Amino acid sequence: MVDLLRNALLTAISENGLDLLIKFSLAGLSLVVFYYIIVVVSNRIEQKIIGDTIDQNKYTLRTAKLLGQIVFIFLMICAFLISLEIV
């Protein structure tokens, strides 16, 4: 079973090696670009929540951080799925 999978993988690489390399590099590059965009967006959301509040107590700061992390995780999952679609 392992030999069959290994042979299938080696055949796919030998026939479509350059195409796979281009797709993987594009997927990695898009994931890096999405990461930087997502970091900026999640930080902007945190700062907007903190800036819009009248009193900045520890619960407001924690809520802003939590929402920023939730948005970050959701957008990273979407970016990962997009990069998988490229491959």
N, C-alpha and C. Protein backbone atom coordinates (compact mmCIF):
# COMPACT_ATOMS: atom_id res chain seq x y z
N MET A 1 0.82 -1.19 0.00
CA MET A 1 0.00 0.00 0.00
C MET A 1 0.87 1.26 0.00
N VAL A 2 1.90 1.26 0.86
CA VAL A 2 2.80 2.41 0.93
C VAL A 2 3.57 2.55 -0.38
N ASP A 3 4.00 1.40 -0.94
CA ASP A 3 4.73 1.45 -2.21
C ASP A 3 3.85 1.99 -3.34
N LEU A 4 2.58 1.64 -3.32
CA LEU A 4 1.65 2.13 -4.34
C LEU A 4 1.48 3.64 -4.24
N LEU A 5 1.33 4.15 -3.02
CA LEU A 5 1.21 5.60 -2.82
C LEU A 5 2.50 6.32 -3.21
N ARG A 6 3.63 5.72 -2.85
CA ARG A 6 4.92 6.34 -3.18
C ARG A 6 5.12 6.39 -4.68
N ASN A 7 4.77 5.30 -5.37
CA ASN A 7 4.92 5.27 -6.82
C ASN A 7 3.97 6.25 -7.49
N ALA A 8 2.76 6.38 -6.97
CA ALA A 8 1.80 7.33 -7.54
C ALA A 8 2.30 8.76 -7.35
N LEU A 9 2.87 9.05 -6.18
CA LEU A 9 3.40 10.38 -5.91
C LEU A 9 4.60 10.68 -6.79
N LEU A 10 5.50 9.73 -6.95
CA LEU A 10 6.66 9.94 -7.80
C LEU A 10 6.26 10.11 -9.26
N THR A 11 5.25 9.39 -9.71
CA THR A 11 4.75 9.54 -11.08
C THR A 11 4.14 10.91 -11.28
N ALA A 12 3.36 11.37 -10.31
CA ALA A 12 2.74 12.68 -10.42
C ALA A 12 3.78 13.79 -10.43
N ILE A 13 4.81 13.65 -9.62
CA ILE A 13 5.87 14.66 -9.57
C ILE A 13 6.69 14.65 -10.86
N SER A 14 6.98 13.47 -11.38
CA SER A 14 7.78 13.41 -12.60
C SER A 14 7.01 13.93 -13.81
N GLU A 15 5.70 13.75 -13.84
CA GLU A 15 4.90 14.22 -14.98
C GLU A 15 4.52 15.69 -14.85
N ASN A 16 4.18 16.13 -13.63
CA ASN A 16 3.69 17.49 -13.42
C ASN A 16 4.51 18.24 -12.38
N GLY A 17 5.79 18.01 -12.32
CA GLY A 17 6.62 18.58 -11.27
C GLY A 17 6.65 20.09 -11.28
N LEU A 18 6.87 20.68 -12.45
CA LEU A 18 6.96 22.14 -12.53
C LEU A 18 5.61 22.78 -12.23
N ASP A 19 4.56 22.18 -12.71
CA ASP A 19 3.22 22.71 -12.45
C ASP A 19 2.89 22.67 -10.96
N LEU A 20 3.23 21.56 -10.30
CA LEU A 20 3.00 21.46 -8.86
C LEU A 20 3.85 22.46 -8.09
N LEU A 21 5.08 22.66 -8.51
CA LEU A 21 5.96 23.61 -7.84
C LEU A 21 5.41 25.03 -7.96
N ILE A 22 4.91 25.39 -9.13
CA ILE A 22 4.33 26.71 -9.32
C ILE A 22 3.08 26.88 -8.48
N LYS A 23 2.24 25.87 -8.44
CA LYS A 23 1.01 25.96 -7.65
C LYS A 23 1.30 26.08 -6.16
N PHE A 24 2.25 25.28 -5.67
CA PHE A 24 2.60 25.35 -4.24
C PHE A 24 3.23 26.69 -3.88
N SER A 25 4.07 27.21 -4.76
CA SER A 25 4.68 28.50 -4.47
C SER A 25 3.65 29.62 -4.51
N LEU A 26 2.70 29.58 -5.43
CA LEU A 26 1.63 30.57 -5.46
C LEU A 26 0.74 30.47 -4.23
N ALA A 27 0.47 29.25 -3.80
CA ALA A 27 -0.35 29.05 -2.61
C ALA A 27 0.37 29.59 -1.37
N GLY A 28 1.65 29.32 -1.26
CA GLY A 28 2.42 29.83 -0.12
C GLY A 28 2.52 31.34 -0.13
N LEU A 29 2.75 31.91 -1.30
CA LEU A 29 2.82 33.36 -1.42
C LEU A 29 1.49 34.01 -1.07
N SER A 30 0.41 33.43 -1.56
CA SER A 30 -0.91 33.99 -1.24
C SER A 30 -1.22 33.87 0.24
N LEU A 31 -0.79 32.79 0.87
CA LEU A 31 -1.01 32.63 2.30
C LEU A 31 -0.24 33.68 3.10
N VAL A 32 0.98 33.99 2.69
CA VAL A 32 1.77 35.02 3.36
C VAL A 32 1.12 36.39 3.20
N VAL A 33 0.67 36.70 1.98
CA VAL A 33 0.02 37.99 1.73
C VAL A 33 -1.27 38.10 2.54
N PHE A 34 -2.06 37.04 2.54
CA PHE A 34 -3.30 37.04 3.32
C PHE A 34 -3.00 37.21 4.81
N TYR A 35 -1.92 36.58 5.30
CA TYR A 35 -1.56 36.70 6.71
C TYR A 35 -1.34 38.16 7.09
N TYR A 36 -0.55 38.87 6.29
CA TYR A 36 -0.27 40.27 6.62
C TYR A 36 -1.53 41.13 6.55
N ILE A 37 -2.38 40.87 5.58
CA ILE A 37 -3.64 41.62 5.48
C ILE A 37 -4.52 41.32 6.69
N ILE A 38 -4.60 40.08 7.08
CA ILE A 38 -5.44 39.67 8.20
C ILE A 38 -4.94 40.26 9.51
N VAL A 39 -3.62 40.32 9.70
CA VAL A 39 -3.07 40.93 10.90
C VAL A 39 -3.46 42.40 10.98
N VAL A 40 -3.38 43.10 9.86
CA VAL A 40 -3.75 44.52 9.85
C VAL A 40 -5.24 44.68 10.14
N VAL A 41 -6.08 43.84 9.55
CA VAL A 41 -7.52 43.95 9.76
C VAL A 41 -7.89 43.65 11.21
N SER A 42 -7.33 42.59 11.77
CA SER A 42 -7.69 42.24 13.16
C SER A 42 -7.19 43.29 14.14
N ASN A 43 -6.00 43.84 13.90
CA ASN A 43 -5.52 44.91 14.77
C ASN A 43 -6.37 46.16 14.64
N ARG A 44 -6.82 46.44 13.44
CA ARG A 44 -7.69 47.61 13.22
C ARG A 44 -9.02 47.43 13.95
N ILE A 45 -9.55 46.22 13.95
CA ILE A 45 -10.81 45.95 14.66
C ILE A 45 -10.61 46.16 16.16
N GLU A 46 -9.51 45.65 16.69
CA GLU A 46 -9.23 45.84 18.12
C GLU A 46 -9.12 47.31 18.47
N GLN A 47 -8.38 48.07 17.68
CA GLN A 47 -8.21 49.50 17.95
C GLN A 47 -9.52 50.27 17.81
N LYS A 48 -10.35 49.87 16.86
CA LYS A 48 -11.64 50.53 16.67
C LYS A 48 -12.56 50.28 17.87
N ILE A 49 -12.56 49.06 18.40
CA ILE A 49 -13.39 48.76 19.57
C ILE A 49 -12.89 49.52 20.79
N ILE A 50 -11.59 49.56 20.96
CA ILE A 50 -11.02 50.28 22.11
C ILE A 50 -11.26 51.78 21.99
N GLY A 51 -11.14 52.31 20.78
CA GLY A 51 -11.31 53.74 20.58
C GLY A 51 -12.75 54.21 20.68
N ASP A 52 -13.72 53.34 20.43
CA ASP A 52 -15.12 53.73 20.46
C ASP A 52 -15.75 53.65 21.84
N THR A 53 -15.03 53.15 22.83
CA THR A 53 -15.62 53.02 24.16
C THR A 53 -15.36 54.27 24.99
N ILE A 54 -16.28 54.55 25.87
CA ILE A 54 -16.14 55.72 26.74
C ILE A 54 -15.12 55.44 27.85
N ASP A 55 -15.29 54.31 28.51
CA ASP A 55 -14.34 53.94 29.56
C ASP A 55 -13.57 52.71 29.10
N GLN A 56 -12.27 52.74 29.28
CA GLN A 56 -11.43 51.65 28.84
C GLN A 56 -10.98 50.83 30.05
N ASN A 57 -11.86 49.98 30.51
CA ASN A 57 -11.48 49.11 31.61
C ASN A 57 -10.90 47.81 31.07
N LYS A 58 -10.52 46.91 31.97
CA LYS A 58 -9.86 45.68 31.52
C LYS A 58 -10.80 44.77 30.74
N TYR A 59 -12.11 44.86 30.99
CA TYR A 59 -13.05 44.01 30.27
C TYR A 59 -13.21 44.46 28.82
N THR A 60 -13.17 45.75 28.61
CA THR A 60 -13.24 46.28 27.25
C THR A 60 -12.00 45.86 26.46
N LEU A 61 -10.85 45.95 27.10
CA LEU A 61 -9.62 45.55 26.42
C LEU A 61 -9.61 44.06 26.12
N ARG A 62 -10.09 43.25 27.06
CA ARG A 62 -10.16 41.80 26.83
C ARG A 62 -11.15 41.45 25.74
N THR A 63 -12.29 42.14 25.72
CA THR A 63 -13.29 41.89 24.68
C THR A 63 -12.75 42.26 23.31
N ALA A 64 -12.07 43.39 23.23
CA ALA A 64 -11.48 43.81 21.96
C ALA A 64 -10.44 42.80 21.48
N LYS A 65 -9.61 42.32 22.40
CA LYS A 65 -8.60 41.32 22.05
C LYS A 65 -9.26 40.01 21.60
N LEU A 66 -10.31 39.59 22.31
CA LEU A 66 -11.01 38.36 21.95
C LEU A 66 -11.64 38.47 20.57
N LEU A 67 -12.31 39.57 20.28
CA LEU A 67 -12.93 39.72 18.96
C LEU A 67 -11.88 39.80 17.87
N GLY A 68 -10.76 40.45 18.15
CA GLY A 68 -9.67 40.49 17.18
C GLY A 68 -9.12 39.10 16.88
N GLN A 69 -9.01 38.27 17.92
CA GLN A 69 -8.51 36.91 17.73
C GLN A 69 -9.52 36.05 16.97
N ILE A 70 -10.80 36.23 17.26
CA ILE A 70 -11.84 35.47 16.55
C ILE A 70 -11.82 35.82 15.07
N VAL A 71 -11.74 37.10 14.76
CA VAL A 71 -11.68 37.53 13.36
C VAL A 71 -10.42 36.99 12.69
N PHE A 72 -9.30 37.05 13.42
CA PHE A 72 -8.04 36.54 12.88
C PHE A 72 -8.14 35.06 12.53
N ILE A 73 -8.67 34.26 13.43
CA ILE A 73 -8.78 32.82 13.20
C ILE A 73 -9.72 32.52 12.05
N PHE A 74 -10.87 33.19 12.01
CA PHE A 74 -11.83 32.96 10.93
C PHE A 74 -11.22 33.32 9.57
N LEU A 75 -10.55 34.45 9.49
CA LEU A 75 -9.98 34.87 8.22
C LEU A 75 -8.78 33.99 7.82
N MET A 76 -8.02 33.50 8.79
CA MET A 76 -6.92 32.59 8.47
C MET A 76 -7.43 31.26 7.94
N ILE A 77 -8.55 30.78 8.48
CA ILE A 77 -9.15 29.55 7.95
C ILE A 77 -9.59 29.78 6.51
N CYS A 78 -10.20 30.93 6.25
CA CYS A 78 -10.61 31.25 4.88
C CYS A 78 -9.40 31.35 3.96
N ALA A 79 -8.32 31.98 4.41
CA ALA A 79 -7.11 32.11 3.60
C ALA A 79 -6.49 30.75 3.34
N PHE A 80 -6.49 29.87 4.34
CA PHE A 80 -5.95 28.53 4.15
C PHE A 80 -6.77 27.76 3.12
N LEU A 81 -8.09 27.89 3.18
CA LEU A 81 -8.93 27.21 2.21
C LEU A 81 -8.73 27.76 0.79
N ILE A 82 -8.50 29.06 0.69
CA ILE A 82 -8.22 29.65 -0.62
C ILE A 82 -6.89 29.13 -1.17
N SER A 83 -5.89 29.03 -0.29
CA SER A 83 -4.59 28.52 -0.75
C SER A 83 -4.68 27.04 -1.15
N LEU A 84 -5.53 26.28 -0.46
CA LEU A 84 -5.74 24.89 -0.86
C LEU A 84 -6.45 24.81 -2.21
N GLU A 85 -7.33 25.76 -2.46
CA GLU A 85 -8.02 25.79 -3.75
C GLU A 85 -7.03 26.08 -4.88
N ILE A 86 -6.00 26.88 -4.61
CA ILE A 86 -4.99 27.16 -5.62
C ILE A 86 -4.24 25.89 -5.99
N VAL A 87 -3.93 25.11 -4.97
CA VAL A 87 -3.20 23.86 -5.22
C VAL A 87 -4.13 22.86 -5.86
